[in-house]
Amino acid sequence: ALQNSGAISLDDIHVEAGGTSGTQASINDSDIRDMIDKSDGATASFNEYYGASSTSYVGGTGGQTTTSGNFKFHYFNSSGTFSLSSVASGGPSNTVDYIVIAGGGSGGGNSGGGGGAGGYLTGTYSAQATNYAVTVGGGGAGGTDGNSGSQSVIANVATSTGGGRGGDQIGTRQPPQTGGSGGGGGFSHPSGAAGISGQGNAGGSVEGGPAAQPYYGGGGGGGKGSVGSPGTYAFGNEGGTGSTTGSANYNSGTRAGGGGGGSFGGHSQTVGEGQAGGGDGSPNSTGSSATANTGSGGGGGGSSSTGGNGGSGIVMFRYQYQG
């Protein structure tokens, strides 16, 4: 920045604006006018340039905010608008980091599979002074057949896919669904569903399958960090691990874990554990629901019971806001 007192020359101002000392410059050059927000042809005096700087930083509003060092974070627990009012120039970074996590899938019922985690994407883009619509996906609702989670979106930047529901053995005995991470298998449909490459992992399968001894426990839902664990005789297994990946993770939280598989209560009280806020499976009642804004999967239901709800997603941003 320029000094706050004393003589200031046009050359001093020119250099602060990024020019080379001794080269031609005019007080009406756009880069010089922009330092004090003057319009073309407007009158300006040199003392108006005291303390002026050509350096600017990314600035924005929207969601909830926190800071750490020279960085500002915005995080959205529900849909809204991320508005950037200024971009960086003169040296600071103009990069915006983001994390987009979709809603997790519900668990399946009746010793059903755990729900898959919502897709988890990280990335960067160059800031522009504009508005970005943010959609935070809801978790899939548990029920007789369960439901997959909904996508989360930064408009024109990134879209993550909702987590797949777990396979169930009641109602219409639906198979597990693919998603950001796939749902865990259930006895009627033992193969875990696939996840989307780069967003998550597959759900766990059921060892043995429908031709073997009945009452198998459900496989764990897939997580961002790993595949769900396979269900075994009467035992539901744990969901895939979550992740802390991405510079925009404002609190270093672990998210997007798979829901645990449900168990057969007449044989075992063992339950599959959900990961990173994912719901636990149950041996004889409704699977537990995932924690909101984790994007994790719901737990598989126990004998003759429905699966738990998936957790809603979250969208996070980070940028340099000061020097």
C-alpha atoms as a PDB file:
ATOM      1  CA  ALA A   1       0.000   0.000   0.000  1.00  0.00           C
ATOM      2  CA  LEU A   2       1.042   3.613  -0.506  1.00  0.00           C
ATOM      3  CA  GLN A   3       2.194   5.703   2.452  1.00  0.00           C
ATOM      4  CA  ASN A   4      -0.301   7.609   4.616  1.00  0.00           C
ATOM      5  CA  SER A   5       1.509  10.958   4.545  1.00  0.00           C
ATOM      6  CA  GLY A   6       4.147  12.920   2.656  1.00  0.00           C
ATOM      7  CA  ALA A   7       4.612  13.442  -1.049  1.00  0.00           C
ATOM      8  CA  ILE A   8       3.190  10.874  -3.459  1.00  0.00           C
ATOM      9  CA  SER A   9       4.198  10.904  -7.097  1.00  0.00           C
ATOM     10  CA  LEU A  10       2.339   9.562 -10.113  1.00  0.00           C
ATOM     11  CA  ASP A  11       5.190   7.059 -10.489  1.00  0.00           C
ATOM     12  CA  ASP A  12       4.591   5.814  -6.913  1.00  0.00           C
ATOM     13  CA  ILE A  13       0.926   5.256  -7.731  1.00  0.00           C
ATOM     14  CA  HIS A  14       1.784   3.619 -11.055  1.00  0.00           C
ATOM     15  CA  VAL A  15       4.112   1.107  -9.346  1.00  0.00           C
ATOM     16  CA  GLU A  16       1.527   0.292  -6.656  1.00  0.00           C
ATOM     17  CA  ALA A  17      -0.976  -0.418  -9.447  1.00  0.00           C
ATOM     18  CA  GLY A  18       1.448  -2.960 -10.913  1.00  0.00           C
ATOM     19  CA  GLY A  19       3.322  -0.812 -13.416  1.00  0.00           C
ATOM     20  CA  THR A  20       7.060  -0.485 -13.942  1.00  0.00           C
ATOM     21  CA  SER A  21       8.808   2.533 -12.459  1.00  0.00           C
ATOM     22  CA  GLY A  22       9.705   5.165 -15.041  1.00  0.00           C
ATOM     23  CA  THR A  23       7.209   3.975 -17.663  1.00  0.00           C
ATOM     24  CA  GLN A  24       4.403   6.148 -18.988  1.00  0.00           C
ATOM     25  CA  ALA A  25       1.247   6.475 -16.877  1.00  0.00           C
ATOM     26  CA  SER A  26      -1.760   8.767 -16.531  1.00  0.00           C
ATOM     27  CA  ILE A  27      -3.878   9.616 -13.488  1.00  0.00           C
ATOM     28  CA  ASN A  28      -6.827   8.559 -15.666  1.00  0.00           C
ATOM     29  CA  ASP A  29      -5.514   5.026 -16.353  1.00  0.00           C
ATOM     30  CA  SER A  30      -8.133   2.484 -15.310  1.00  0.00           C
ATOM     31  CA  ASP A  31      -5.815   0.549 -12.977  1.00  0.00           C
ATOM     32  CA  ILE A  32      -4.884   3.786 -11.183  1.00  0.00           C
ATOM     33  CA  ARG A  33      -8.496   5.038 -10.986  1.00  0.00           C
ATOM     34  CA  ASP A  34      -9.684   1.688  -9.642  1.00  0.00           C
ATOM     35  CA  MET A  35      -7.437   2.040  -6.588  1.00  0.00           C
ATOM     36  CA  ILE A  36      -9.704   4.819  -5.269  1.00  0.00           C
ATOM     37  CA  ASP A  37     -12.895   3.914  -7.169  1.00  0.00           C
ATOM     38  CA  LYS A  38     -12.832   6.866  -9.556  1.00  0.00           C
ATOM     39  CA  SER A  39     -14.772   6.834 -12.811  1.00  0.00           C
ATOM     40  CA  ASP A  40     -13.251   7.643 -16.210  1.00  0.00           C
ATOM     41  CA  GLY A  41     -12.389  11.357 -16.465  1.00  0.00           C
ATOM     42  CA  ALA A  42     -13.184  12.107 -12.801  1.00  0.00           C
ATOM     43  CA  THR A  43     -11.019  14.634 -10.972  1.00  0.00           C
ATOM     44  CA  ALA A  44      -8.617  13.186  -8.405  1.00  0.00           C
ATOM     45  CA  SER A  45      -5.941  14.653  -6.139  1.00  0.00           C
ATOM     46  CA  PHE A  46      -2.786  12.849  -5.080  1.00  0.00           C
ATOM     47  CA  ASN A  47      -3.653  12.966  -1.370  1.00  0.00           C
ATOM     48  CA  GLU A  48      -6.664  10.748  -2.128  1.00  0.00           C
ATOM     49  CA  TYR A  49      -4.139   7.980  -2.738  1.00  0.00           C
ATOM     50  CA  TYR A  50      -2.800   7.961   0.850  1.00  0.00           C
ATOM     51  CA  GLY A  51      -2.947   4.326   2.042  1.00  0.00           C
ATOM     52  CA  ALA A  52      -4.393   3.121  -1.268  1.00  0.00           C
ATOM     53  CA  SER A  53      -3.555  -0.368  -2.465  1.00  0.00           C
ATOM     54  CA  SER A  54      -4.022  -2.294  -5.669  1.00  0.00           C
ATOM     55  CA  THR A  55      -4.371  -5.511  -3.651  1.00  0.00           C
ATOM     56  CA  SER A  56      -7.856  -6.977  -3.271  1.00  0.00           C
ATOM     57  CA  TYR A  57      -9.226 -10.225  -1.857  1.00  0.00           C
ATOM     58  CA  VAL A  58     -12.083 -12.565  -2.564  1.00  0.00           C
ATOM     59  CA  GLY A  59     -15.144 -11.540  -0.581  1.00  0.00           C
ATOM     60  CA  GLY A  60     -18.509 -13.236  -0.256  1.00  0.00           C
ATOM     61  CA  THR A  61     -21.683 -13.846   1.727  1.00  0.00           C
ATOM     62  CA  GLY A  62     -24.064 -16.736   2.297  1.00  0.00           C
ATOM     63  CA  GLY A  63     -24.556 -19.686   4.603  1.00  0.00           C
ATOM     64  CA  GLN A  64     -22.787 -19.791   7.944  1.00  0.00           C
ATOM     65  CA  THR A  65     -19.214 -18.512   8.212  1.00  0.00           C
ATOM     66  CA  THR A  66     -16.051 -18.979  10.228  1.00  0.00           C
ATOM     67  CA  THR A  67     -12.392 -18.047   9.735  1.00  0.00           C
ATOM     68  CA  SER A  68      -9.006 -19.662  10.273  1.00  0.00           C
ATOM     69  CA  GLY A  69      -5.862 -17.642   9.673  1.00  0.00           C
ATOM     70  CA  ASN A  70      -6.175 -15.813   6.347  1.00  0.00           C
ATOM     71  CA  PHE A  71      -9.023 -18.024   5.141  1.00  0.00           C
ATOM     72  CA  LYS A  72     -12.784 -17.679   5.385  1.00  0.00           C
ATOM     73  CA  PHE A  73     -15.190 -20.616   5.246  1.00  0.00           C
ATOM     74  CA  HIS A  74     -18.851 -20.658   4.242  1.00  0.00           C
ATOM     75  CA  TYR A  75     -20.935 -23.761   4.934  1.00  0.00           C
ATOM     76  CA  PHE A  76     -24.507 -24.488   3.925  1.00  0.00           C
ATOM     77  CA  ASN A  77     -26.643 -26.887   5.997  1.00  0.00           C
ATOM     78  CA  SER A  78     -29.619 -26.058   3.781  1.00  0.00           C
ATOM     79  CA  SER A  79     -30.078 -24.652   0.297  1.00  0.00           C
ATOM     80  CA  GLY A  80     -29.235 -20.998  -0.354  1.00  0.00           C
ATOM     81  CA  THR A  81     -27.034 -18.632  -2.389  1.00  0.00           C
ATOM     82  CA  PHE A  82     -23.273 -18.151  -2.218  1.00  0.00           C
ATOM     83  CA  SER A  83     -22.558 -14.606  -3.439  1.00  0.00           C
ATOM     84  CA  LEU A  84     -19.082 -13.367  -4.330  1.00  0.00           C
ATOM     85  CA  SER A  85     -18.874  -9.576  -4.349  1.00  0.00           C
ATOM     86  CA  SER A  86     -15.139  -9.203  -5.052  1.00  0.00           C
ATOM     87  CA  VAL A  87     -12.274 -11.135  -6.590  1.00  0.00           C
ATOM     88  CA  ALA A  88      -8.572 -11.152  -5.796  1.00  0.00           C
ATOM     89  CA  SER A  89      -5.931  -9.050  -7.525  1.00  0.00           C
ATOM     90  CA  GLY A  90      -2.382  -7.865  -6.854  1.00  0.00           C
ATOM     91  CA  GLY A  91      -1.089 -11.137  -5.376  1.00  0.00           C
ATOM     92  CA  PRO A  92      -3.675 -12.871  -3.138  1.00  0.00           C
ATOM     93  CA  SER A  93      -5.168 -16.167  -4.246  1.00  0.00           C
ATOM     94  CA  ASN A  94      -8.322 -15.995  -6.352  1.00  0.00           C
ATOM     95  CA  THR A  95      -9.083 -19.689  -5.782  1.00  0.00           C
ATOM     96  CA  VAL A  96     -12.261 -20.964  -4.117  1.00  0.00           C
ATOM     97  CA  ASP A  97     -12.085 -24.468  -2.613  1.00  0.00           C
ATOM     98  CA  TYR A  98     -15.293 -26.455  -2.232  1.00  0.00           C
ATOM     99  CA  ILE A  99     -16.740 -29.667  -0.842  1.00  0.00           C
ATOM    100  CA  VAL A 100     -20.148 -30.932  -2.008  1.00  0.00           C
ATOM    101  CA  ILE A 101     -21.749 -33.827  -0.090  1.00  0.00           C
ATOM    102  CA  ALA A 102     -25.137 -35.213  -1.125  1.00  0.00           C
ATOM    103  CA  GLY A 103     -27.790 -36.728   1.116  1.00  0.00           C
ATOM    104  CA  GLY A 104     -27.263 -40.280   2.357  1.00  0.00           C
ATOM    105  CA  GLY A 105     -29.544 -43.201   1.482  1.00  0.00           C
ATOM    106  CA  SER A 106     -31.886 -44.841   3.986  1.00  0.00           C
ATOM    107  CA  GLY A 107     -31.314 -48.295   5.388  1.00  0.00           C
ATOM    108  CA  GLY A 108     -33.299 -51.279   4.124  1.00  0.00           C
ATOM    109  CA  GLY A 109     -35.788 -53.192   6.268  1.00  0.00           C
ATOM    110  CA  ASN A 110     -35.988 -56.667   7.854  1.00  0.00           C
ATOM    111  CA  SER A 111     -32.285 -57.394   8.342  1.00  0.00           C
ATOM    112  CA  GLY A 112     -31.733 -54.924   5.496  1.00  0.00           C
ATOM    113  CA  GLY A 113     -28.579 -53.330   4.176  1.00  0.00           C
ATOM    114  CA  GLY A 114     -27.214 -50.030   5.427  1.00  0.00           C
ATOM    115  CA  GLY A 115     -27.748 -46.897   3.357  1.00  0.00           C
ATOM    116  CA  GLY A 116     -24.907 -45.616   1.200  1.00  0.00           C
ATOM    117  CA  ALA A 117     -23.307 -42.249   1.885  1.00  0.00           C
ATOM    118  CA  GLY A 118     -24.043 -39.295  -0.350  1.00  0.00           C
ATOM    119  CA  GLY A 119     -21.476 -38.534  -3.020  1.00  0.00           C
ATOM    120  CA  TYR A 120     -18.492 -36.534  -1.717  1.00  0.00           C
ATOM    121  CA  LEU A 121     -16.735 -34.197  -4.162  1.00  0.00           C
ATOM    122  CA  THR A 122     -13.891 -31.735  -3.653  1.00  0.00           C
ATOM    123  CA  GLY A 123     -12.429 -29.219  -6.063  1.00  0.00           C
ATOM    124  CA  THR A 124     -11.495 -25.619  -6.835  1.00  0.00           C
ATOM    125  CA  TYR A 125     -12.531 -22.855  -9.201  1.00  0.00           C
ATOM    126  CA  SER A 126     -11.504 -19.256  -9.907  1.00  0.00           C
ATOM    127  CA  ALA A 127     -13.649 -16.681  -8.135  1.00  0.00           C
ATOM    128  CA  GLN A 128     -15.992 -14.503 -10.159  1.00  0.00           C
ATOM    129  CA  ALA A 129     -18.169 -11.723  -8.767  1.00  0.00           C
ATOM    130  CA  THR A 130     -21.485 -13.506  -9.186  1.00  0.00           C
ATOM    131  CA  ASN A 131     -24.101 -15.603  -7.360  1.00  0.00           C
ATOM    132  CA  TYR A 132     -23.952 -19.387  -7.057  1.00  0.00           C
ATOM    133  CA  ALA A 133     -27.163 -21.256  -6.245  1.00  0.00           C
ATOM    134  CA  VAL A 134     -26.458 -23.943  -3.628  1.00  0.00           C
ATOM    135  CA  THR A 135     -28.677 -27.014  -3.242  1.00  0.00           C
ATOM    136  CA  VAL A 136     -28.213 -29.233  -0.182  1.00  0.00           C
ATOM    137  CA  GLY A 137     -29.652 -32.700  -0.753  1.00  0.00           C
ATOM    138  CA  GLY A 138     -31.938 -34.346   1.776  1.00  0.00           C
ATOM    139  CA  GLY A 139     -31.352 -37.783   3.227  1.00  0.00           C
ATOM    140  CA  GLY A 140     -33.474 -40.658   1.958  1.00  0.00           C
ATOM    141  CA  ALA A 141     -36.538 -41.401   4.095  1.00  0.00           C
ATOM    142  CA  GLY A 142     -36.708 -44.834   5.687  1.00  0.00           C
ATOM    143  CA  GLY A 143     -39.823 -46.922   5.161  1.00  0.00           C
ATOM    144  CA  THR A 144     -41.072 -50.203   3.839  1.00  0.00           C
ATOM    145  CA  ASP A 145     -38.792 -50.011   0.815  1.00  0.00           C
ATOM    146  CA  GLY A 146     -36.576 -47.058   1.762  1.00  0.00           C
ATOM    147  CA  ASN A 147     -35.278 -44.260  -0.443  1.00  0.00           C
ATOM    148  CA  SER A 148     -32.019 -42.997  -1.875  1.00  0.00           C
ATOM    149  CA  GLY A 149     -30.651 -39.564  -0.906  1.00  0.00           C
ATOM    150  CA  SER A 150     -30.910 -36.420  -3.031  1.00  0.00           C
ATOM    151  CA  GLN A 151     -28.104 -34.677  -4.906  1.00  0.00           C
ATOM    152  CA  SER A 152     -26.252 -31.593  -3.676  1.00  0.00           C
ATOM    153  CA  VAL A 153     -25.274 -28.931  -6.219  1.00  0.00           C
ATOM    154  CA  ILE A 154     -23.198 -25.777  -6.687  1.00  0.00           C
ATOM    155  CA  ALA A 155     -24.802 -24.422  -9.853  1.00  0.00           C
ATOM    156  CA  ASN A 156     -22.484 -24.620 -12.871  1.00  0.00           C
ATOM    157  CA  VAL A 157     -19.646 -25.931 -10.689  1.00  0.00           C
ATOM    158  CA  ALA A 158     -20.280 -29.397  -9.213  1.00  0.00           C
ATOM    159  CA  THR A 159     -23.033 -31.960  -8.535  1.00  0.00           C
ATOM    160  CA  SER A 160     -22.742 -34.887  -6.126  1.00  0.00           C
ATOM    161  CA  THR A 161     -25.140 -37.845  -6.315  1.00  0.00           C
ATOM    162  CA  GLY A 162     -27.333 -39.007  -3.438  1.00  0.00           C
ATOM    163  CA  GLY A 163     -26.411 -42.179  -1.574  1.00  0.00           C
ATOM    164  CA  GLY A 164     -28.160 -45.426  -2.529  1.00  0.00           C
ATOM    165  CA  ARG A 165     -30.747 -47.022  -0.255  1.00  0.00           C
ATOM    166  CA  GLY A 166     -30.000 -50.344   1.412  1.00  0.00           C
ATOM    167  CA  GLY A 167     -31.565 -53.567   0.121  1.00  0.00           C
ATOM    168  CA  ASP A 168     -34.626 -54.751   2.055  1.00  0.00           C
ATOM    169  CA  GLN A 169     -36.508 -57.950   2.703  1.00  0.00           C
ATOM    170  CA  ILE A 170     -39.961 -56.559   3.441  1.00  0.00           C
ATOM    171  CA  GLY A 171     -42.481 -54.764   1.258  1.00  0.00           C
ATOM    172  CA  THR A 172     -41.577 -55.385  -2.354  1.00  0.00           C
ATOM    173  CA  ARG A 173     -38.086 -56.594  -1.382  1.00  0.00           C
ATOM    174  CA  GLN A 174     -36.226 -53.933  -3.303  1.00  0.00           C
ATOM    175  CA  PRO A 175     -32.550 -54.366  -4.148  1.00  0.00           C
ATOM    176  CA  PRO A 176     -29.957 -51.892  -2.894  1.00  0.00           C
ATOM    177  CA  GLN A 177     -29.468 -48.870  -5.117  1.00  0.00           C
ATOM    178  CA  THR A 178     -26.376 -47.369  -6.671  1.00  0.00           C
ATOM    179  CA  GLY A 179     -25.485 -43.817  -5.680  1.00  0.00           C
ATOM    180  CA  GLY A 180     -22.599 -41.611  -4.604  1.00  0.00           C
ATOM    181  CA  SER A 181     -21.911 -44.610  -2.384  1.00  0.00           C
ATOM    182  CA  GLY A 182     -24.009 -47.743  -2.882  1.00  0.00           C
ATOM    183  CA  GLY A 183     -26.443 -49.331  -0.457  1.00  0.00           C
ATOM    184  CA  GLY A 184     -25.633 -52.565   1.345  1.00  0.00           C
ATOM    185  CA  GLY A 185     -27.152 -55.846   0.204  1.00  0.00           C
ATOM    186  CA  GLY A 186     -30.047 -57.621   1.918  1.00  0.00           C
ATOM    187  CA  PHE A 187     -30.877 -61.321   1.971  1.00  0.00           C
ATOM    188  CA  SER A 188     -33.231 -61.159  -1.050  1.00  0.00           C
ATOM    189  CA  HIS A 189     -30.671 -59.155  -3.074  1.00  0.00           C
ATOM    190  CA  PRO A 190     -27.289 -60.031  -1.577  1.00  0.00           C
ATOM    191  CA  SER A 191     -24.946 -58.006  -3.784  1.00  0.00           C
ATOM    192  CA  GLY A 192     -24.054 -54.544  -2.522  1.00  0.00           C
ATOM    193  CA  ALA A 193     -24.766 -51.719  -4.968  1.00  0.00           C
ATOM    194  CA  ALA A 194     -21.984 -49.825  -6.716  1.00  0.00           C
ATOM    195  CA  GLY A 195     -20.782 -46.355  -5.813  1.00  0.00           C
ATOM    196  CA  ILE A 196     -19.735 -43.670  -8.282  1.00  0.00           C
ATOM    197  CA  SER A 197     -16.001 -43.425  -8.916  1.00  0.00           C
ATOM    198  CA  GLY A 198     -14.567 -40.324  -7.274  1.00  0.00           C
ATOM    199  CA  GLN A 199     -17.629 -39.833  -5.076  1.00  0.00           C
ATOM    200  CA  GLY A 200     -17.802 -42.965  -2.912  1.00  0.00           C
ATOM    201  CA  ASN A 201     -17.690 -46.743  -2.693  1.00  0.00           C
ATOM    202  CA  ALA A 202     -19.896 -49.802  -3.040  1.00  0.00           C
ATOM    203  CA  GLY A 203     -22.110 -51.227  -0.335  1.00  0.00           C
ATOM    204  CA  GLY A 204     -21.230 -54.503   1.354  1.00  0.00           C
ATOM    205  CA  SER A 205     -22.737 -57.737   0.062  1.00  0.00           C
ATOM    206  CA  VAL A 206     -24.386 -60.536   2.040  1.00  0.00           C
ATOM    207  CA  GLU A 207     -22.203 -63.622   2.347  1.00  0.00           C
ATOM    208  CA  GLY A 208     -24.006 -66.742   1.252  1.00  0.00           C
ATOM    209  CA  GLY A 209     -27.043 -65.320  -0.510  1.00  0.00           C
ATOM    210  CA  PRO A 210     -30.672 -66.482  -0.712  1.00  0.00           C
ATOM    211  CA  ALA A 211     -29.857 -70.128  -1.517  1.00  0.00           C
ATOM    212  CA  ALA A 212     -27.930 -70.525   1.741  1.00  0.00           C
ATOM    213  CA  GLN A 213     -29.152 -70.566   5.360  1.00  0.00           C
ATOM    214  CA  PRO A 214     -31.827 -67.833   5.732  1.00  0.00           C
ATOM    215  CA  TYR A 215     -31.842 -64.813   8.050  1.00  0.00           C
ATOM    216  CA  TYR A 216     -28.612 -63.291   6.922  1.00  0.00           C
ATOM    217  CA  GLY A 217     -27.715 -59.843   8.268  1.00  0.00           C
ATOM    218  CA  GLY A 218     -27.470 -56.863   5.939  1.00  0.00           C
ATOM    219  CA  GLY A 219     -24.270 -55.527   4.431  1.00  0.00           C
ATOM    220  CA  GLY A 220     -23.025 -52.102   5.479  1.00  0.00           C
ATOM    221  CA  GLY A 221     -23.606 -49.153   3.173  1.00  0.00           C
ATOM    222  CA  GLY A 222     -20.644 -47.794   1.248  1.00  0.00           C
ATOM    223  CA  GLY A 223     -18.795 -44.710   2.500  1.00  0.00           C
ATOM    224  CA  LYS A 224     -16.502 -42.157   0.927  1.00  0.00           C
ATOM    225  CA  GLY A 225     -13.501 -43.807   2.599  1.00  0.00           C
ATOM    226  CA  SER A 226     -14.195 -47.514   2.019  1.00  0.00           C
ATOM    227  CA  VAL A 227     -16.566 -50.241   0.856  1.00  0.00           C
ATOM    228  CA  GLY A 228     -19.240 -51.389   3.311  1.00  0.00           C
ATOM    229  CA  SER A 229     -18.487 -54.593   5.247  1.00  0.00           C
ATOM    230  CA  PRO A 230     -20.348 -57.790   4.241  1.00  0.00           C
ATOM    231  CA  GLY A 231     -23.271 -59.154   6.222  1.00  0.00           C
ATOM    232  CA  THR A 232     -22.989 -62.695   7.593  1.00  0.00           C
ATOM    233  CA  TYR A 233     -25.343 -65.242   9.134  1.00  0.00           C
ATOM    234  CA  ALA A 234     -27.688 -63.199  11.364  1.00  0.00           C
ATOM    235  CA  PHE A 235     -25.087 -60.454  11.777  1.00  0.00           C
ATOM    236  CA  GLY A 236     -25.347 -57.060  10.115  1.00  0.00           C
ATOM    237  CA  ASN A 237     -21.981 -55.441   9.484  1.00  0.00           C
ATOM    238  CA  GLU A 238     -20.564 -51.935   9.677  1.00  0.00           C
ATOM    239  CA  GLY A 239     -20.773 -49.260   7.024  1.00  0.00           C
ATOM    240  CA  GLY A 240     -17.857 -47.959   4.999  1.00  0.00           C
ATOM    241  CA  THR A 241     -15.724 -45.257   6.573  1.00  0.00           C
ATOM    242  CA  GLY A 242     -16.232 -41.551   5.983  1.00  0.00           C
ATOM    243  CA  SER A 243     -13.730 -38.883   4.977  1.00  0.00           C
ATOM    244  CA  THR A 244     -12.235 -35.546   6.041  1.00  0.00           C
ATOM    245  CA  THR A 245     -10.844 -34.793   2.569  1.00  0.00           C
ATOM    246  CA  GLY A 246     -10.788 -31.245   1.184  1.00  0.00           C
ATOM    247  CA  SER A 247      -9.399 -27.824   2.132  1.00  0.00           C
ATOM    248  CA  ALA A 248     -12.935 -26.436   2.582  1.00  0.00           C
ATOM    249  CA  ASN A 249     -13.642 -28.786   5.533  1.00  0.00           C
ATOM    250  CA  TYR A 250     -14.127 -25.961   8.037  1.00  0.00           C
ATOM    251  CA  ASN A 251     -14.100 -28.110  11.206  1.00  0.00           C
ATOM    252  CA  SER A 252     -12.120 -31.153   9.961  1.00  0.00           C
ATOM    253  CA  GLY A 253     -15.272 -33.219  10.509  1.00  0.00           C
ATOM    254  CA  THR A 254     -15.560 -36.792   9.240  1.00  0.00           C
ATOM    255  CA  ARG A 255     -18.607 -37.159   6.967  1.00  0.00           C
ATOM    256  CA  ALA A 256     -20.171 -39.450   4.351  1.00  0.00           C
ATOM    257  CA  GLY A 257     -19.977 -42.777   6.177  1.00  0.00           C
ATOM    258  CA  GLY A 258     -22.108 -45.822   5.395  1.00  0.00           C
ATOM    259  CA  GLY A 259     -25.031 -46.972   7.503  1.00  0.00           C
ATOM    260  CA  GLY A 260     -24.731 -50.243   9.418  1.00  0.00           C
ATOM    261  CA  GLY A 261     -26.541 -53.378   8.246  1.00  0.00           C
ATOM    262  CA  GLY A 262     -29.544 -54.737  10.152  1.00  0.00           C
ATOM    263  CA  SER A 263     -29.417 -58.081  11.969  1.00  0.00           C
ATOM    264  CA  PHE A 264     -31.837 -60.930  12.622  1.00  0.00           C
ATOM    265  CA  GLY A 265     -32.950 -60.468  16.224  1.00  0.00           C
ATOM    266  CA  GLY A 266     -33.963 -64.073  16.824  1.00  0.00           C
ATOM    267  CA  HIS A 267     -30.353 -65.142  16.393  1.00  0.00           C
ATOM    268  CA  SER A 268     -28.209 -62.243  17.533  1.00  0.00           C
ATOM    269  CA  GLN A 269     -28.310 -58.845  19.192  1.00  0.00           C
ATOM    270  CA  THR A 270     -25.223 -57.791  17.258  1.00  0.00           C
ATOM    271  CA  VAL A 271     -25.738 -54.687  15.129  1.00  0.00           C
ATOM    272  CA  GLY A 272     -23.790 -53.206  12.254  1.00  0.00           C
ATOM    273  CA  GLU A 273     -22.335 -49.844  13.248  1.00  0.00           C
ATOM    274  CA  GLY A 274     -22.810 -46.772  11.105  1.00  0.00           C
ATOM    275  CA  GLN A 275     -19.739 -44.659  10.368  1.00  0.00           C
ATOM    276  CA  ALA A 276     -19.161 -40.879  10.454  1.00  0.00           C
ATOM    277  CA  GLY A 277     -22.631 -40.156  11.825  1.00  0.00           C
ATOM    278  CA  GLY A 278     -24.262 -42.973   9.883  1.00  0.00           C
ATOM    279  CA  GLY A 279     -27.148 -44.856  11.490  1.00  0.00           C
ATOM    280  CA  ASP A 280     -26.576 -48.148  13.282  1.00  0.00           C
ATOM    281  CA  GLY A 281     -28.388 -51.261  12.136  1.00  0.00           C
ATOM    282  CA  SER A 282     -30.849 -52.910  14.518  1.00  0.00           C
ATOM    283  CA  PRO A 283     -31.533 -56.557  15.435  1.00  0.00           C
ATOM    284  CA  ASN A 284     -35.233 -56.176  16.204  1.00  0.00           C
ATOM    285  CA  SER A 285     -36.482 -52.633  15.577  1.00  0.00           C
ATOM    286  CA  THR A 286     -36.164 -49.691  13.192  1.00  0.00           C
ATOM    287  CA  GLY A 287     -32.610 -48.859  12.149  1.00  0.00           C
ATOM    288  CA  SER A 288     -31.272 -45.619  13.571  1.00  0.00           C
ATOM    289  CA  SER A 289     -31.178 -42.502  11.423  1.00  0.00           C
ATOM    290  CA  ALA A 290     -27.982 -40.765  10.330  1.00  0.00           C
ATOM    291  CA  THR A 291     -26.916 -37.410  11.760  1.00  0.00           C
ATOM    292  CA  ALA A 292     -28.088 -34.379   9.780  1.00  0.00           C
ATOM    293  CA  ASN A 293     -25.576 -32.676   7.447  1.00  0.00           C
ATOM    294  CA  THR A 294     -23.146 -35.578   7.418  1.00  0.00           C
ATOM    295  CA  GLY A 295     -24.418 -37.125   4.173  1.00  0.00           C
ATOM    296  CA  SER A 296     -24.101 -40.520   5.891  1.00  0.00           C
ATOM    297  CA  GLY A 297     -26.385 -43.522   5.372  1.00  0.00           C
ATOM    298  CA  GLY A 298     -29.219 -44.757   7.588  1.00  0.00           C
ATOM    299  CA  GLY A 299     -29.036 -48.011   9.505  1.00  0.00           C
ATOM    300  CA  GLY A 300     -30.690 -51.207   8.296  1.00  0.00           C
ATOM    301  CA  GLY A 301     -33.810 -52.329  10.155  1.00  0.00           C
ATOM    302  CA  GLY A 302     -34.005 -55.503  12.249  1.00  0.00           C
ATOM    303  CA  SER A 303     -36.503 -58.356  11.969  1.00  0.00           C
ATOM    304  CA  SER A 304     -39.744 -57.104  10.351  1.00  0.00           C
ATOM    305  CA  SER A 305     -38.651 -53.483  10.892  1.00  0.00           C
ATOM    306  CA  THR A 306     -37.851 -50.598   8.547  1.00  0.00           C
ATOM    307  CA  GLY A 307     -34.536 -48.847   7.950  1.00  0.00           C
ATOM    308  CA  GLY A 308     -33.434 -45.491   9.355  1.00  0.00           C
ATOM    309  CA  ASN A 309     -33.295 -42.204   7.462  1.00  0.00           C
ATOM    310  CA  GLY A 310     -30.175 -41.045   5.662  1.00  0.00           C
ATOM    311  CA  GLY A 311     -28.463 -37.834   6.761  1.00  0.00           C
ATOM    312  CA  SER A 312     -28.848 -34.611   4.793  1.00  0.00           C
ATOM    313  CA  GLY A 313     -25.835 -33.284   2.900  1.00  0.00           C
ATOM    314  CA  ILE A 314     -23.705 -30.160   3.243  1.00  0.00           C
ATOM    315  CA  VAL A 315     -21.848 -27.738   0.933  1.00  0.00           C
ATOM    316  CA  MET A 316     -18.671 -25.915   2.033  1.00  0.00           C
ATOM    317  CA  PHE A 317     -16.404 -23.196   0.563  1.00  0.00           C
ATOM    318  CA  ARG A 318     -13.025 -21.687   1.484  1.00  0.00           C
ATOM    319  CA  TYR A 319     -11.056 -18.705   0.122  1.00  0.00           C
ATOM    320  CA  GLN A 320      -8.307 -16.257   1.158  1.00  0.00           C
ATOM    321  CA  TYR A 321      -9.997 -13.150   2.518  1.00  0.00           C
ATOM    322  CA  GLN A 322      -7.016 -11.270   3.977  1.00  0.00           C
ATOM    323  CA  GLY A 323      -3.225 -11.134   3.699  1.00  0.00           C
END
